[in-house]
């Protein structure tokens, strides 16, 4: 195999590795940010179900 071909193959492999590393770090940062945002949300009050426990007349 020619030296240029070997080096080109190694360069493509390195570029792919760097891209995956950057994507992985970005995903981790975004996940951490989303988790922090969810944790600082104020507690939401429980909303009653609109029909649970109510009698519904189904006769026609």
Protein backbone atom coordinates (compact mmCIF):
# COMPACT_ATOMS: atom_id res chain seq x y z
CA UNK A 1 0.00 0.00 0.00
CA UNK A 2 1.27 3.45 -0.81
CA UNK A 3 2.40 5.71 2.04
CA UNK A 4 0.00 8.54 1.04
CA UNK A 5 -2.91 6.13 1.07
CA UNK A 6 -2.01 4.86 4.54
CA UNK A 7 -1.65 8.39 5.89
CA UNK A 8 -4.93 9.48 4.31
CA UNK A 9 -6.69 6.53 5.91
CA UNK A 10 -5.20 7.34 9.30
CA UNK A 11 -6.20 10.98 8.93
CA UNK A 12 -9.81 10.03 8.16
CA UNK A 13 -9.82 7.76 11.19
CA UNK A 14 -8.44 10.54 13.41
CA UNK A 15 -10.98 13.07 12.07
CA UNK A 16 -13.79 10.64 12.79
CA UNK A 17 -12.49 10.06 16.31
CA UNK A 18 -12.26 13.80 16.99
CA UNK A 19 -15.77 14.40 15.64
CA UNK A 20 -17.19 11.65 17.85
CA UNK A 21 -15.36 13.06 20.86
CA UNK A 22 -16.72 16.57 20.23
CA UNK A 23 -20.25 15.23 19.69
CA UNK A 24 -20.04 13.18 22.87
CA UNK A 25 -18.90 16.18 24.94
CA UNK A 26 -21.62 18.37 23.43
CA UNK A 27 -24.28 15.77 24.18
CA UNK A 28 -23.05 15.45 27.76
CA UNK A 29 -23.11 19.23 28.25
CA UNK A 30 -26.62 19.51 26.79
CA UNK A 31 -27.86 16.65 28.97
CA UNK A 32 -26.39 18.23 32.09
CA UNK A 33 -27.91 21.60 31.22
CA UNK A 34 -31.34 20.08 30.62
CA UNK A 35 -31.13 18.20 33.92
CA UNK A 36 -30.19 21.39 35.79
CA UNK A 37 -33.07 23.29 34.18
CA UNK A 38 -35.54 20.58 35.19
CA UNK A 39 -34.22 20.56 38.75
CA UNK A 40 -34.69 24.32 39.22
CA UNK A 41 -38.28 24.32 37.96
CA UNK A 42 -40.73 25.11 40.73
CA UNK A 43 -42.90 22.21 41.89
CA UNK A 44 -46.06 22.04 39.84
CA UNK A 45 -49.34 21.58 41.72
CA UNK A 46 -51.15 18.33 41.09
CA UNK A 47 -54.06 18.79 38.72
CA UNK A 48 -57.21 16.76 39.34
CA UNK A 49 -58.29 14.43 36.56
CA UNK A 50 -61.25 16.00 34.71
CA UNK A 51 -63.55 12.95 34.90
CA UNK A 52 -62.03 10.63 37.51
CA UNK A 53 -64.45 10.08 40.37
CA UNK A 54 -67.32 11.84 38.59
CA UNK A 55 -70.55 10.12 37.54
CA UNK A 56 -71.21 10.23 33.84
CA UNK A 57 -74.66 9.51 32.43
CA UNK A 58 -74.22 7.30 29.38
CA UNK A 59 -77.91 6.54 28.78
CA UNK A 60 -79.29 7.76 25.55
